[in-house]
């Protein structure tokens, strides 16, 4: 079982476009021993938490959710 990072050890990356995110993921693929969480956010709420639109723990499933979200007109 892989090493689990706590929130203070987590790396957070922000991307302005889907293409930018996909290029990054291609250059730095997931490693089996690490845990990942992906979030599509629409900014930050007043309480400091992100406004989560879509999320996922695995890149492939998250990418499918993003494509579905985009194809539905980002409603």
Protein backbone atom coordinates (compact mmCIF):
# COMPACT_ATOMS: atom_id res chain seq x y z
CA UNK A 1 0.00 0.00 0.00
CA UNK A 2 1.29 3.43 -0.93
CA UNK A 3 2.32 6.27 1.30
CA UNK A 4 -0.55 8.63 2.09
CA UNK A 5 0.15 12.33 2.35
CA UNK A 6 -1.80 14.43 4.76
CA UNK A 7 -3.30 17.71 3.60
CA UNK A 8 -0.27 19.72 4.69
CA UNK A 9 1.97 17.58 2.45
CA UNK A 10 -0.30 17.69 -0.59
CA UNK A 11 0.80 19.46 -3.76
CA UNK A 12 -1.81 21.70 -5.37
CA UNK A 13 -1.60 22.77 -9.00
CA UNK A 14 -3.91 25.24 -10.70
CA UNK A 15 -4.51 25.40 -14.46
CA UNK A 16 -6.34 28.07 -16.43
CA UNK A 17 -7.26 25.83 -19.36
CA UNK A 18 -8.08 22.17 -19.93
CA UNK A 19 -5.25 21.93 -22.47
CA UNK A 20 -2.76 23.23 -19.92
CA UNK A 21 -3.94 20.59 -17.43
CA UNK A 22 -3.76 17.77 -20.01
CA UNK A 23 -0.22 18.77 -21.08
CA UNK A 24 0.89 18.74 -17.44
CA UNK A 25 -0.70 15.33 -16.78
CA UNK A 26 0.95 13.90 -19.92
CA UNK A 27 4.36 15.18 -18.79
CA UNK A 28 3.82 13.97 -15.20
CA UNK A 29 1.68 10.80 -15.22
CA UNK A 30 0.16 9.31 -12.07
CA UNK A 31 2.36 6.98 -10.04
CA UNK A 32 0.76 3.92 -8.46
CA UNK A 33 2.10 4.58 -4.96
CA UNK A 34 0.63 8.09 -4.72
CA UNK A 35 -2.91 9.29 -4.05
CA UNK A 36 -4.52 11.84 -6.34
CA UNK A 37 -7.56 14.06 -6.18
CA UNK A 38 -8.72 16.14 -9.11
CA UNK A 39 -11.15 19.04 -8.79
CA UNK A 40 -12.76 21.37 -11.31
CA UNK A 41 -13.57 24.50 -9.35
CA UNK A 42 -15.49 27.68 -10.04
CA UNK A 43 -13.59 29.78 -7.53
CA UNK A 44 -13.61 29.94 -3.78
CA UNK A 45 -16.62 30.33 -1.51
CA UNK A 46 -16.84 32.86 1.31
CA UNK A 47 -15.87 30.13 3.80
CA UNK A 48 -12.58 29.51 1.94
CA UNK A 49 -13.57 26.18 0.39
CA UNK A 50 -13.54 25.63 -3.37
CA UNK A 51 -16.81 25.63 -5.33
CA UNK A 52 -16.45 22.09 -6.69
CA UNK A 53 -18.10 21.42 -10.05
CA UNK A 54 -16.54 18.01 -10.76
CA UNK A 55 -14.07 15.84 -8.85
CA UNK A 56 -12.38 12.46 -9.07
CA UNK A 57 -9.63 10.30 -7.62
CA UNK A 58 -8.34 8.91 -10.91
CA UNK A 59 -7.26 10.84 -13.99
CA UNK A 60 -9.14 8.77 -16.57
CA UNK A 61 -12.49 9.03 -14.80
CA UNK A 62 -11.95 12.73 -14.05
CA UNK A 63 -11.09 13.40 -17.70
CA UNK A 64 -14.36 11.72 -18.76
CA UNK A 65 -16.30 13.91 -16.31
CA UNK A 66 -14.59 17.02 -17.69
CA UNK A 67 -15.40 16.12 -21.28
CA UNK A 68 -19.03 15.44 -20.33
CA UNK A 69 -19.21 18.75 -18.47
CA UNK A 70 -17.78 20.62 -21.46
CA UNK A 71 -20.04 18.84 -23.97
CA UNK A 72 -23.12 19.73 -21.90
CA UNK A 73 -22.27 23.39 -22.27
CA UNK A 74 -20.77 23.89 -18.83
CA UNK A 75 -24.21 24.17 -17.24
